[in-house]
């Protein structure tokens, strides 16, 4: 089965996470600049409240058997200090039913079946 891992991380931790994923054998990652807030509803500095904090979302599709290893790799690289801090991010896991490679026309299913798609 294929799964999609979406990790929301601090911008200053992105390079560490990408390097860790590369070293772990997962070089294929899509990166998005995003903004949002967590349970703490943003951050207040003086009289100004910032409710949209810049973050980066990393998206990777992997085999389900690699899920725990990938999550631990991301968490270790994205965590601030030894214990972590508010705003370090979140990781979301979803099932991928089908995946298509545009250049080759290959369709890969969750069952691991490969087939060429006529275009």
PDB file of N, CA and C in Angstrom:
ATOM      1  N   UNK A   1       0.838  -1.175   0.000  1.00  0.00           N
ATOM      2  CA  UNK A   1       0.000   0.000   0.000  1.00  0.00           C
ATOM      3  C   UNK A   1       0.889   1.245   0.000  1.00  0.00           C
ATOM      4  N   UNK A   2       0.464   2.257  -0.729  1.00  0.00           N
ATOM      5  CA  UNK A   2       1.169   3.537  -0.767  1.00  0.00           C
ATOM      6  C   UNK A   2       0.513   4.505   0.199  1.00  0.00           C
ATOM      7  N   UNK A   3       1.336   5.338   0.837  1.00  0.00           N
ATOM      8  CA  UNK A   3       0.796   6.380   1.702  1.00  0.00           C
ATOM      9  C   UNK A   3       1.463   7.708   1.367  1.00  0.00           C
ATOM     10  N   UNK A   4       0.733   8.781   1.632  1.00  0.00           N
ATOM     11  CA  UNK A   4       1.282  10.121   1.466  1.00  0.00           C
ATOM     12  C   UNK A   4       1.549  10.692   2.846  1.00  0.00           C
ATOM     13  N   UNK A   5       2.751  11.187   3.024  1.00  0.00           N
ATOM     14  CA  UNK A   5       3.145  11.844   4.262  1.00  0.00           C
ATOM     15  C   UNK A   5       3.229  13.335   3.958  1.00  0.00           C
ATOM     16  N   UNK A   6       2.469  14.133   4.707  1.00  0.00           N
ATOM     17  CA  UNK A   6       2.551  15.590   4.602  1.00  0.00           C
ATOM     18  C   UNK A   6       3.065  16.103   5.939  1.00  0.00           C
ATOM     19  N   UNK A   7       4.202  16.754   5.897  1.00  0.00           N
ATOM     20  CA  UNK A   7       4.811  17.286   7.124  1.00  0.00           C
ATOM     21  C   UNK A   7       4.843  18.802   7.039  1.00  0.00           C
ATOM     22  N   UNK A   8       4.271  19.452   8.042  1.00  0.00           N
ATOM     23  CA  UNK A   8       4.325  20.907   8.165  1.00  0.00           C
ATOM     24  C   UNK A   8       5.444  21.200   9.156  1.00  0.00           C
ATOM     25  N   UNK A   9       6.472  21.938   8.713  1.00  0.00           N
ATOM     26  CA  UNK A   9       7.636  22.181   9.566  1.00  0.00           C
ATOM     27  C   UNK A   9       8.027  23.653   9.543  1.00  0.00           C
ATOM     28  N   UNK A  10       8.850  24.036  10.499  1.00  0.00           N
ATOM     29  CA  UNK A  10       9.383  25.397  10.544  1.00  0.00           C
ATOM     30  C   UNK A  10      10.293  25.623   9.329  1.00  0.00           C
ATOM     31  N   UNK A  11      10.261  26.820   8.744  1.00  0.00           N
ATOM     32  CA  UNK A  11      11.132  27.094   7.592  1.00  0.00           C
ATOM     33  C   UNK A  11      12.615  26.873   7.885  1.00  0.00           C
ATOM     34  N   UNK A  12      13.049  27.154   9.104  1.00  0.00           N
ATOM     35  CA  UNK A  12      14.461  26.989   9.437  1.00  0.00           C
ATOM     36  C   UNK A  12      14.863  25.521   9.629  1.00  0.00           C
ATOM     37  N   UNK A  13      13.900  24.611   9.622  1.00  0.00           N
ATOM     38  CA  UNK A  13      14.186  23.182   9.784  1.00  0.00           C
ATOM     39  C   UNK A  13      14.084  22.404   8.467  1.00  0.00           C
ATOM     40  N   UNK A  14      13.634  23.062   7.396  1.00  0.00           N
ATOM     41  CA  UNK A  14      13.404  22.382   6.125  1.00  0.00           C
ATOM     42  C   UNK A  14      14.660  21.711   5.599  1.00  0.00           C
ATOM     43  N   UNK A  15      15.767  22.412   5.572  1.00  0.00           N
ATOM     44  CA  UNK A  15      17.002  21.829   5.035  1.00  0.00           C
ATOM     45  C   UNK A  15      17.429  20.599   5.835  1.00  0.00           C
ATOM     46  N   UNK A  16      17.262  20.646   7.153  1.00  0.00           N
ATOM     47  CA  UNK A  16      17.601  19.492   7.994  1.00  0.00           C
ATOM     48  C   UNK A  16      16.709  18.300   7.665  1.00  0.00           C
ATOM     49  N   UNK A  17      15.405  18.552   7.490  1.00  0.00           N
ATOM     50  CA  UNK A  17      14.464  17.471   7.181  1.00  0.00           C
ATOM     51  C   UNK A  17      14.769  16.888   5.802  1.00  0.00           C
ATOM     52  N   UNK A  18      14.981  17.747   4.806  1.00  0.00           N
ATOM     53  CA  UNK A  18      15.285  17.267   3.454  1.00  0.00           C
ATOM     54  C   UNK A  18      16.572  16.450   3.428  1.00  0.00           C
ATOM     55  N   UNK A  19      17.591  16.904   4.133  1.00  0.00           N
ATOM     56  CA  UNK A  19      18.859  16.167   4.194  1.00  0.00           C
ATOM     57  C   UNK A  19      18.669  14.817   4.874  1.00  0.00           C
ATOM     58  N   UNK A  20      17.878  14.789   5.948  1.00  0.00           N
ATOM     59  CA  UNK A  20      17.629  13.534   6.658  1.00  0.00           C
ATOM     60  C   UNK A  20      16.861  12.542   5.788  1.00  0.00           C
ATOM     61  N   UNK A  21      15.869  13.044   5.058  1.00  0.00           N
ATOM     62  CA  UNK A  21      15.117  12.172   4.153  1.00  0.00           C
ATOM     63  C   UNK A  21      16.015  11.631   3.040  1.00  0.00           C
ATOM     64  N   UNK A  22      16.864  12.490   2.495  1.00  0.00           N
ATOM     65  CA  UNK A  22      17.793  12.067   1.443  1.00  0.00           C
ATOM     66  C   UNK A  22      18.729  10.978   1.979  1.00  0.00           C
ATOM     67  N   UNK A  23      19.300  11.207   3.156  1.00  0.00           N
ATOM     68  CA  UNK A  23      20.207  10.230   3.761  1.00  0.00           C
ATOM     69  C   UNK A  23      19.497   8.911   4.070  1.00  0.00           C
ATOM     70  N   UNK A  24      18.185   8.992   4.351  1.00  0.00           N
ATOM     71  CA  UNK A  24      17.409   7.799   4.681  1.00  0.00           C
ATOM     72  C   UNK A  24      16.938   7.057   3.428  1.00  0.00           C
ATOM     73  N   UNK A  25      17.220   7.615   2.243  1.00  0.00           N
ATOM     74  CA  UNK A  25      16.845   6.941   1.004  1.00  0.00           C
ATOM     75  C   UNK A  25      15.541   7.399   0.399  1.00  0.00           C
ATOM     76  N   UNK A  26      15.064   8.582   0.808  1.00  0.00           N
ATOM     77  CA  UNK A  26      13.810   9.133   0.286  1.00  0.00           C
ATOM     78  C   UNK A  26      14.071  10.499  -0.341  1.00  0.00           C
ATOM     79  N   UNK A  27      14.619  10.527  -1.556  1.00  0.00           N
ATOM     80  CA  UNK A  27      14.982  11.805  -2.183  1.00  0.00           C
ATOM     81  C   UNK A  27      13.813  12.554  -2.809  1.00  0.00           C
ATOM     82  N   UNK A  28      12.715  11.860  -3.144  1.00  0.00           N
ATOM     83  CA  UNK A  28      11.596  12.480  -3.866  1.00  0.00           C
ATOM     84  C   UNK A  28      10.653  13.189  -2.898  1.00  0.00           C
ATOM     85  N   UNK A  29      10.708  14.513  -2.883  1.00  0.00           N
ATOM     86  CA  UNK A  29       9.887  15.314  -1.966  1.00  0.00           C
ATOM     87  C   UNK A  29       9.358  16.525  -2.727  1.00  0.00           C
ATOM     88  N   UNK A  30       8.113  16.886  -2.450  1.00  0.00           N
ATOM     89  CA  UNK A  30       7.536  18.119  -2.977  1.00  0.00           C
ATOM     90  C   UNK A  30       7.447  19.101  -1.829  1.00  0.00           C
ATOM     91  N   UNK A  31       7.814  20.360  -2.081  1.00  0.00           N
ATOM     92  CA  UNK A  31       7.898  21.379  -1.026  1.00  0.00           C
ATOM     93  C   UNK A  31       6.977  22.551  -1.371  1.00  0.00           C
ATOM     94  N   UNK A  32       6.168  22.986  -0.391  1.00  0.00           N
ATOM     95  CA  UNK A  32       5.262  24.115  -0.535  1.00  0.00           C
ATOM     96  C   UNK A  32       5.515  25.130   0.576  1.00  0.00           C
ATOM     97  N   UNK A  33       5.467  26.405   0.259  1.00  0.00           N
ATOM     98  CA  UNK A  33       5.441  27.438   1.297  1.00  0.00           C
ATOM     99  C   UNK A  33       3.982  27.623   1.699  1.00  0.00           C
ATOM    100  N   UNK A  34       3.718  27.527   2.994  1.00  0.00           N
ATOM    101  CA  UNK A  34       2.356  27.648   3.510  1.00  0.00           C
ATOM    102  C   UNK A  34       2.358  28.573   4.725  1.00  0.00           C
ATOM    103  N   UNK A  35       1.175  28.925   5.190  1.00  0.00           N
ATOM    104  CA  UNK A  35       1.039  29.719   6.409  1.00  0.00           C
ATOM    105  C   UNK A  35      -0.150  29.177   7.185  1.00  0.00           C
ATOM    106  N   UNK A  36      -0.069  29.248   8.487  1.00  0.00           N
ATOM    107  CA  UNK A  36      -1.168  28.759   9.314  1.00  0.00           C
ATOM    108  C   UNK A  36      -0.895  29.002  10.776  1.00  0.00           C
ATOM    109  N   UNK A  37      -1.739  28.392  11.588  1.00  0.00           N
ATOM    110  CA  UNK A  37      -1.575  28.520  13.035  1.00  0.00           C
ATOM    111  C   UNK A  37      -2.016  27.224  13.684  1.00  0.00           C
ATOM    112  N   UNK A  38      -1.512  26.993  14.865  1.00  0.00           N
ATOM    113  CA  UNK A  38      -1.862  25.790  15.611  1.00  0.00           C
ATOM    114  C   UNK A  38      -2.851  26.103  16.716  1.00  0.00           C
ATOM    115  N   UNK A  39      -2.894  25.221  17.691  1.00  0.00           N
ATOM    116  CA  UNK A  39      -3.826  25.368  18.807  1.00  0.00           C
ATOM    117  C   UNK A  39      -3.615  26.660  19.589  1.00  0.00           C
ATOM    118  N   UNK A  40      -2.376  27.168  19.569  1.00  0.00           N
ATOM    119  CA  UNK A  40      -2.077  28.376  20.338  1.00  0.00           C
ATOM    120  C   UNK A  40      -2.573  29.638  19.643  1.00  0.00           C
ATOM    121  N   UNK A  41      -3.170  29.483  18.447  1.00  0.00           N
ATOM    122  CA  UNK A  41      -3.796  30.585  17.706  1.00  0.00           C
ATOM    123  C   UNK A  41      -2.821  31.666  17.277  1.00  0.00           C
ATOM    124  N   UNK A  42      -1.655  31.284  16.881  1.00  0.00           N
ATOM    125  CA  UNK A  42      -0.666  32.249  16.418  1.00  0.00           C
ATOM    126  C   UNK A  42       0.278  32.646  17.532  1.00  0.00           C
ATOM    127  N   UNK A  43       0.916  33.784  17.342  1.00  0.00           N
ATOM    128  CA  UNK A  43       1.889  34.264  18.317  1.00  0.00           C
ATOM    129  C   UNK A  43       1.670  35.762  18.531  1.00  0.00           C
ATOM    130  N   UNK A  44       1.782  36.206  19.779  1.00  0.00           N
ATOM    131  CA  UNK A  44       1.608  37.617  20.094  1.00  0.00           C
ATOM    132  C   UNK A  44       2.952  38.195  20.510  1.00  0.00           C
ATOM    133  N   UNK A  45       3.358  39.253  19.810  1.00  0.00           N
ATOM    134  CA  UNK A  45       4.595  39.963  20.133  1.00  0.00           C
ATOM    135  C   UNK A  45       4.210  41.410  20.399  1.00  0.00           C
ATOM    136  N   UNK A  46       4.324  41.810  21.652  1.00  0.00           N
ATOM    137  CA  UNK A  46       3.866  43.147  22.037  1.00  0.00           C
ATOM    138  C   UNK A  46       2.368  43.250  21.848  1.00  0.00           C
ATOM    139  N   UNK A  47       1.926  44.260  21.119  1.00  0.00           N
ATOM    140  CA  UNK A  47       0.501  44.461  20.865  1.00  0.00           C
ATOM    141  C   UNK A  47       0.034  43.779  19.569  1.00  0.00           C
ATOM    142  N   UNK A  48       0.961  43.180  18.843  1.00  0.00           N
ATOM    143  CA  UNK A  48       0.617  42.606  17.542  1.00  0.00           C
ATOM    144  C   UNK A  48       0.485  41.090  17.650  1.00  0.00           C
ATOM    145  N   UNK A  49      -0.629  40.566  17.101  1.00  0.00           N
ATOM    146  CA  UNK A  49      -0.841  39.129  17.043  1.00  0.00           C
ATOM    147  C   UNK A  49      -0.643  38.665  15.610  1.00  0.00           C
ATOM    148  N   UNK A  50       0.233  37.702  15.430  1.00  0.00           N
ATOM    149  CA  UNK A  50       0.474  37.093  14.130  1.00  0.00           C
ATOM    150  C   UNK A  50      -0.269  35.762  14.110  1.00  0.00           C
ATOM    151  N   UNK A  51      -1.372  35.706  13.356  1.00  0.00           N
ATOM    152  CA  UNK A  51      -2.159  34.473  13.366  1.00  0.00           C
ATOM    153  C   UNK A  51      -1.899  33.600  12.141  1.00  0.00           C
ATOM    154  N   UNK A  52      -1.051  34.054  11.243  1.00  0.00           N
ATOM    155  CA  UNK A  52      -0.626  33.223  10.123  1.00  0.00           C
ATOM    156  C   UNK A  52       0.898  33.147  10.141  1.00  0.00           C
ATOM    157  N   UNK A  53       1.384  32.041  10.637  1.00  0.00           N
ATOM    158  CA  UNK A  53       2.817  31.838  10.815  1.00  0.00           C
ATOM    159  C   UNK A  53       3.360  31.115   9.575  1.00  0.00           C
ATOM    160  N   UNK A  54       4.462  31.601   8.981  1.00  0.00           N
ATOM    161  CA  UNK A  54       5.035  30.915   7.823  1.00  0.00           C
ATOM    162  C   UNK A  54       5.550  29.527   8.198  1.00  0.00           C
ATOM    163  N   UNK A  55       5.209  28.553   7.381  1.00  0.00           N
ATOM    164  CA  UNK A  55       5.669  27.170   7.544  1.00  0.00           C
ATOM    165  C   UNK A  55       5.988  26.626   6.161  1.00  0.00           C
ATOM    166  N   UNK A  56       6.515  25.415   6.126  1.00  0.00           N
ATOM    167  CA  UNK A  56       6.764  24.720   4.872  1.00  0.00           C
ATOM    168  C   UNK A  56       6.106  23.346   4.968  1.00  0.00           C
ATOM    169  N   UNK A  57       5.403  22.961   3.903  1.00  0.00           N
ATOM    170  CA  UNK A  57       4.820  21.622   3.852  1.00  0.00           C
ATOM    171  C   UNK A  57       5.652  20.769   2.905  1.00  0.00           C
ATOM    172  N   UNK A  58       6.074  19.623   3.404  1.00  0.00           N
ATOM    173  CA  UNK A  58       6.800  18.648   2.605  1.00  0.00           C
ATOM    174  C   UNK A  58       5.871  17.471   2.355  1.00  0.00           C
ATOM    175  N   UNK A  59       5.809  17.036   1.112  1.00  0.00           N
ATOM    176  CA  UNK A  59       4.912  15.947   0.729  1.00  0.00           C
ATOM    177  C   UNK A  59       5.736  14.843   0.085  1.00  0.00           C
ATOM    178  N   UNK A  60       5.524  13.612   0.545  1.00  0.00           N
ATOM    179  CA  UNK A  60       6.270  12.466   0.043  1.00  0.00           C
ATOM    180  C   UNK A  60       5.327  11.258  -0.008  1.00  0.00           C
ATOM    181  N   UNK A  61       5.424  10.461  -1.055  1.00  0.00           N
ATOM    182  CA  UNK A  61       4.650   9.226  -1.166  1.00  0.00           C
ATOM    183  C   UNK A  61       5.622   8.065  -0.996  1.00  0.00           C
ATOM    184  N   UNK A  62       5.272   7.179  -0.077  1.00  0.00           N
ATOM    185  CA  UNK A  62       6.150   6.056   0.269  1.00  0.00           C
ATOM    186  C   UNK A  62       5.332   4.780   0.408  1.00  0.00           C
ATOM    187  N   UNK A  63       6.019   3.675   0.518  1.00  0.00           N
ATOM    188  CA  UNK A  63       5.372   2.403   0.805  1.00  0.00           C
ATOM    189  C   UNK A  63       5.002   2.382   2.289  1.00  0.00           C
ATOM    190  N   UNK A  64       3.879   1.789   2.605  1.00  0.00           N
ATOM    191  CA  UNK A  64       3.395   1.731   3.987  1.00  0.00           C
ATOM    192  C   UNK A  64       4.419   1.126   4.941  1.00  0.00           C
ATOM    193  N   UNK A  65       5.221   0.186   4.469  1.00  0.00           N
ATOM    194  CA  UNK A  65       6.217  -0.457   5.348  1.00  0.00           C
ATOM    195  C   UNK A  65       7.281   0.525   5.828  1.00  0.00           C
ATOM    196  N   UNK A  66       7.444   1.659   5.135  1.00  0.00           N
ATOM    197  CA  UNK A  66       8.439   2.659   5.505  1.00  0.00           C
ATOM    198  C   UNK A  66       7.866   3.794   6.364  1.00  0.00           C
ATOM    199  N   UNK A  67       6.592   3.707   6.700  1.00  0.00           N
ATOM    200  CA  UNK A  67       5.901   4.803   7.392  1.00  0.00           C
ATOM    201  C   UNK A  67       6.562   5.176   8.720  1.00  0.00           C
ATOM    202  N   UNK A  68       6.710   4.239   9.617  1.00  0.00           N
ATOM    203  CA  UNK A  68       7.243   4.559  10.947  1.00  0.00           C
ATOM    204  C   UNK A  68       8.653   5.141  10.866  1.00  0.00           C
ATOM    205  N   UNK A  69       9.497   4.551  10.015  1.00  0.00           N
ATOM    206  CA  UNK A  69      10.866   5.036   9.849  1.00  0.00           C
ATOM    207  C   UNK A  69      10.869   6.469   9.309  1.00  0.00           C
ATOM    208  N   UNK A  70      10.019   6.734   8.323  1.00  0.00           N
ATOM    209  CA  UNK A  70       9.945   8.068   7.720  1.00  0.00           C
ATOM    210  C   UNK A  70       9.453   9.092   8.728  1.00  0.00           C
ATOM    211  N   UNK A  71       8.433   8.755   9.488  1.00  0.00           N
ATOM    212  CA  UNK A  71       7.901   9.677  10.504  1.00  0.00           C
ATOM    213  C   UNK A  71       8.973   9.996  11.546  1.00  0.00           C
ATOM    214  N   UNK A  72       9.675   8.988  12.017  1.00  0.00           N
ATOM    215  CA  UNK A  72      10.733   9.220  13.006  1.00  0.00           C
ATOM    216  C   UNK A  72      11.853  10.081  12.431  1.00  0.00           C
ATOM    217  N   UNK A  73      12.184   9.856  11.170  1.00  0.00           N
ATOM    218  CA  UNK A  73      13.223  10.649  10.506  1.00  0.00           C
ATOM    219  C   UNK A  73      12.826  12.114  10.445  1.00  0.00           C
ATOM    220  N   UNK A  74      11.592  12.374  10.048  1.00  0.00           N
ATOM    221  CA  UNK A  74      11.095  13.756   9.957  1.00  0.00           C
ATOM    222  C   UNK A  74      11.036  14.390  11.341  1.00  0.00           C
ATOM    223  N   UNK A  75      10.467  13.686  12.311  1.00  0.00           N
ATOM    224  CA  UNK A  75      10.320  14.249  13.659  1.00  0.00           C
ATOM    225  C   UNK A  75      11.673  14.602  14.273  1.00  0.00           C
ATOM    226  N   UNK A  76      12.640  13.727  14.101  1.00  0.00           N
ATOM    227  CA  UNK A  76      13.969  13.975  14.674  1.00  0.00           C
ATOM    228  C   UNK A  76      14.601  15.224  14.066  1.00  0.00           C
ATOM    229  N   UNK A  77      14.466  15.396  12.751  1.00  0.00           N
ATOM    230  CA  UNK A  77      15.078  16.546  12.082  1.00  0.00           C
ATOM    231  C   UNK A  77      14.298  17.837  12.275  1.00  0.00           C
ATOM    232  N   UNK A  78      12.986  17.744  12.457  1.00  0.00           N
ATOM    233  CA  UNK A  78      12.141  18.947  12.552  1.00  0.00           C
ATOM    234  C   UNK A  78      11.983  19.470  13.979  1.00  0.00           C
ATOM    235  N   UNK A  79      12.286  18.654  14.955  1.00  0.00           N
ATOM    236  CA  UNK A  79      12.071  19.038  16.360  1.00  0.00           C
ATOM    237  C   UNK A  79      13.087  20.076  16.808  1.00  0.00           C
ATOM    238  N   UNK A  80      12.602  21.061  17.552  1.00  0.00           N
ATOM    239  CA  UNK A  80      13.457  22.092  18.127  1.00  0.00           C
ATOM    240  C   UNK A  80      14.013  21.585  19.459  1.00  0.00           C
ATOM    241  N   UNK A  81      15.314  21.468  19.544  1.00  0.00           N
ATOM    242  CA  UNK A  81      15.943  20.986  20.774  1.00  0.00           C
ATOM    243  C   UNK A  81      15.612  19.537  21.044  1.00  0.00           C
ATOM    244  N   UNK A  82      15.874  19.096  22.261  1.00  0.00           N
ATOM    245  CA  UNK A  82      15.627  17.707  22.631  1.00  0.00           C
ATOM    246  C   UNK A  82      14.161  17.402  22.883  1.00  0.00           C
ATOM    247  N   UNK A  83      13.435  18.388  23.420  1.00  0.00           N
ATOM    248  CA  UNK A  83      12.046  18.150  23.816  1.00  0.00           C
ATOM    249  C   UNK A  83      11.026  18.739  22.859  1.00  0.00           C
ATOM    250  N   UNK A  84      11.471  19.529  21.888  1.00  0.00           N
ATOM    251  CA  UNK A  84      10.539  20.151  20.962  1.00  0.00           C
ATOM    252  C   UNK A  84       9.917  21.404  21.551  1.00  0.00           C
ATOM    253  N   UNK A  85       9.155  22.120  20.714  1.00  0.00           N
ATOM    254  CA  UNK A  85       8.511  23.355  21.136  1.00  0.00           C
ATOM    255  C   UNK A  85       7.230  23.551  20.335  1.00  0.00           C
ATOM    256  N   UNK A  86       6.342  24.415  20.870  1.00  0.00           N
ATOM    257  CA  UNK A  86       5.142  24.769  20.116  1.00  0.00           C
ATOM    258  C   UNK A  86       5.558  25.298  18.759  1.00  0.00           C
ATOM    259  N   UNK A  87       4.826  24.902  17.723  1.00  0.00           N
ATOM    260  CA  UNK A  87       5.128  25.399  16.387  1.00  0.00           C
ATOM    261  C   UNK A  87       6.105  24.546  15.598  1.00  0.00           C
ATOM    262  N   UNK A  88       6.538  23.410  16.160  1.00  0.00           N
ATOM    263  CA  UNK A  88       7.453  22.532  15.431  1.00  0.00           C
ATOM    264  C   UNK A  88       6.775  21.853  14.244  1.00  0.00           C
ATOM    265  N   UNK A  89       5.449  21.761  14.269  1.00  0.00           N
ATOM    266  CA  UNK A  89       4.734  21.251  13.107  1.00  0.00           C
ATOM    267  C   UNK A  89       3.857  20.053  13.381  1.00  0.00           C
ATOM    268  N   UNK A  90       3.345  19.492  12.287  1.00  0.00           N
ATOM    269  CA  UNK A  90       2.466  18.317  12.315  1.00  0.00           C
ATOM    270  C   UNK A  90       2.817  17.422  11.148  1.00  0.00           C
ATOM    271  N   UNK A  91       2.465  16.152  11.288  1.00  0.00           N
ATOM    272  CA  UNK A  91       2.636  15.188  10.206  1.00  0.00           C
ATOM    273  C   UNK A  91       1.289  14.518   9.974  1.00  0.00           C
ATOM    274  N   UNK A  92       0.866  14.479   8.708  1.00  0.00           N
ATOM    275  CA  UNK A  92      -0.411  13.883   8.336  1.00  0.00           C
ATOM    276  C   UNK A  92      -0.154  12.712   7.397  1.00  0.00           C
ATOM    277  N   UNK A  93      -0.881  11.618   7.595  1.00  0.00           N
ATOM    278  CA  UNK A  93      -0.732  10.410   6.790  1.00  0.00           C
ATOM    279  C   UNK A  93      -2.062  10.108   6.112  1.00  0.00           C
ATOM    280  N   UNK A  94      -2.024   9.880   4.789  1.00  0.00           N
ATOM    281  CA  UNK A  94      -3.221   9.476   4.056  1.00  0.00           C
ATOM    282  C   UNK A  94      -2.871   8.353   3.087  1.00  0.00           C
ATOM    283  N   UNK A  95      -3.856   7.554   2.774  1.00  0.00           N
ATOM    284  CA  UNK A  95      -3.676   6.454   1.832  1.00  0.00           C
ATOM    285  C   UNK A  95      -3.698   6.994   0.402  1.00  0.00           C
ATOM    286  N   UNK A  96      -2.867   6.417  -0.443  1.00  0.00           N
ATOM    287  CA  UNK A  96      -2.824   6.760  -1.866  1.00  0.00           C
ATOM    288  C   UNK A  96      -3.341   5.548  -2.641  1.00  0.00           C
ATOM    289  N   UNK A  97      -4.447   5.721  -3.359  1.00  0.00           N
ATOM    290  CA  UNK A  97      -5.031   4.614  -4.114  1.00  0.00           C
ATOM    291  C   UNK A  97      -4.333   4.384  -5.448  1.00  0.00           C
ATOM    292  N   UNK A  98      -3.994   5.483  -6.117  1.00  0.00           N
ATOM    293  CA  UNK A  98      -3.330   5.391  -7.410  1.00  0.00           C
ATOM    294  C   UNK A  98      -2.308   6.507  -7.536  1.00  0.00           C
ATOM    295  N   UNK A  99      -1.264   6.224  -8.323  1.00  0.00           N
ATOM    296  CA  UNK A  99      -0.237   7.222  -8.585  1.00  0.00           C
ATOM    297  C   UNK A  99       0.169   7.075 -10.057  1.00  0.00           C
ATOM    298  N   UNK A 100       0.269   8.198 -10.763  1.00  0.00           N
ATOM    299  CA  UNK A 100       0.603   8.195 -12.184  1.00  0.00           C
ATOM    300  C   UNK A 100       1.907   8.954 -12.400  1.00  0.00           C
ATOM    301  N   UNK A 101       2.795   8.388 -13.228  1.00  0.00           N
ATOM    302  CA  UNK A 101       4.012   9.074 -13.630  1.00  0.00           C
ATOM    303  C   UNK A 101       3.754   9.651 -15.015  1.00  0.00           C
ATOM    304  N   UNK A 102       3.756  10.965 -15.106  1.00  0.00           N
ATOM    305  CA  UNK A 102       3.394  11.648 -16.341  1.00  0.00           C
ATOM    306  C   UNK A 102       4.325  11.273 -17.491  1.00  0.00           C
ATOM    307  N   UNK A 103       5.632  11.262 -17.256  1.00  0.00           N
ATOM    308  CA  UNK A 103       6.595  11.028 -18.343  1.00  0.00           C
ATOM    309  C   UNK A 103       6.480   9.634 -18.960  1.00  0.00           C
ATOM    310  N   UNK A 104       6.244   8.621 -18.135  1.00  0.00           N
ATOM    311  CA  UNK A 104       6.205   7.248 -18.649  1.00  0.00           C
ATOM    312  C   UNK A 104       4.792   6.738 -18.910  1.00  0.00           C
ATOM    313  N   UNK A 105       3.794   7.399 -18.339  1.00  0.00           N
ATOM    314  CA  UNK A 105       2.431   6.908 -18.474  1.00  0.00           C
ATOM    315  C   UNK A 105       2.146   5.689 -17.617  1.00  0.00           C
ATOM    316  N   UNK A 106       2.980   5.436 -16.609  1.00  0.00           N
ATOM    317  CA  UNK A 106       2.806   4.279 -15.737  1.00  0.00           C
ATOM    318  C   UNK A 106       1.868   4.633 -14.585  1.00  0.00           C
ATOM    319  N   UNK A 107       0.909   3.741 -14.362  1.00  0.00           N
ATOM    320  CA  UNK A 107      -0.026   3.857 -13.232  1.00  0.00           C
ATOM    321  C   UNK A 107       0.380   2.823 -12.193  1.00  0.00           C
ATOM    322  N   UNK A 108       0.516   3.266 -10.949  1.00  0.00           N
ATOM    323  CA  UNK A 108       0.833   2.365  -9.848  1.00  0.00           C
ATOM    324  C   UNK A 108      -0.336   2.392  -8.883  1.00  0.00           C
ATOM    325  N   UNK A 109      -0.837   1.219  -8.516  1.00  0.00           N
ATOM    326  CA  UNK A 109      -1.977   1.142  -7.607  1.00  0.00           C
ATOM    327  C   UNK A 109      -1.506   0.843  -6.183  1.00  0.00           C
ATOM    328  N   UNK A 110      -2.429   0.987  -5.254  1.00  0.00           N
ATOM    329  CA  UNK A 110      -2.117   0.718  -3.850  1.00  0.00           C
ATOM    330  C   UNK A 110      -1.703  -0.742  -3.647  1.00  0.00           C
ATOM    331  N   UNK A 111      -2.153  -1.628  -4.515  1.00  0.00           N
ATOM    332  CA  UNK A 111      -1.799  -3.041  -4.419  1.00  0.00           C
ATOM    333  C   UNK A 111      -0.417  -3.329  -5.014  1.00  0.00           C
ATOM    334  N   UNK A 112       0.244  -2.315  -5.542  1.00  0.00           N
ATOM    335  CA  UNK A 112       1.574  -2.500  -6.123  1.00  0.00           C
ATOM    336  C   UNK A 112       1.548  -2.881  -7.589  1.00  0.00           C
ATOM    337  N   UNK A 113       0.375  -2.884  -8.171  1.00  0.00           N
ATOM    338  CA  UNK A 113       0.239  -3.242  -9.590  1.00  0.00           C
ATOM    339  C   UNK A 113       0.672  -2.059 -10.464  1.00  0.00           C
ATOM    340  N   UNK A 114       1.480  -2.362 -11.503  1.00  0.00           N
ATOM    341  CA  UNK A 114       1.928  -1.354 -12.456  1.00  0.00           C
ATOM    342  C   UNK A 114       1.267  -1.634 -13.791  1.00  0.00           C
ATOM    343  N   UNK A 115       0.796  -0.569 -14.432  1.00  0.00           N
ATOM    344  CA  UNK A 115       0.257  -0.718 -15.789  1.00  0.00           C
ATOM    345  C   UNK A 115       0.500   0.548 -16.570  1.00  0.00           C
ATOM    346  N   UNK A 116       0.679   0.391 -17.865  1.00  0.00           N
ATOM    347  CA  UNK A 116       0.893   1.544 -18.728  1.00  0.00           C
ATOM    348  C   UNK A 116      -0.459   2.097 -19.151  1.00  0.00           C
ATOM    349  N   UNK A 117      -0.604   3.407 -19.086  1.00  0.00           N
ATOM    350  CA  UNK A 117      -1.843   4.070 -19.437  1.00  0.00           C
ATOM    351  C   UNK A 117      -1.695   4.653 -20.833  1.00  0.00           C
ATOM    352  N   UNK A 118      -2.600   4.284 -21.714  1.00  0.00           N
ATOM    353  CA  UNK A 118      -2.560   4.835 -23.079  1.00  0.00           C
ATOM    354  C   UNK A 118      -3.065   6.265 -23.062  1.00  0.00           C
ATOM    355  N   UNK A 119      -2.325   7.132 -23.750  1.00  0.00           N
ATOM    356  CA  UNK A 119      -2.751   8.534 -23.832  1.00  0.00           C
ATOM    357  C   UNK A 119      -2.929   8.969 -25.271  1.00  0.00           C
TER     358      UNK A 119
END
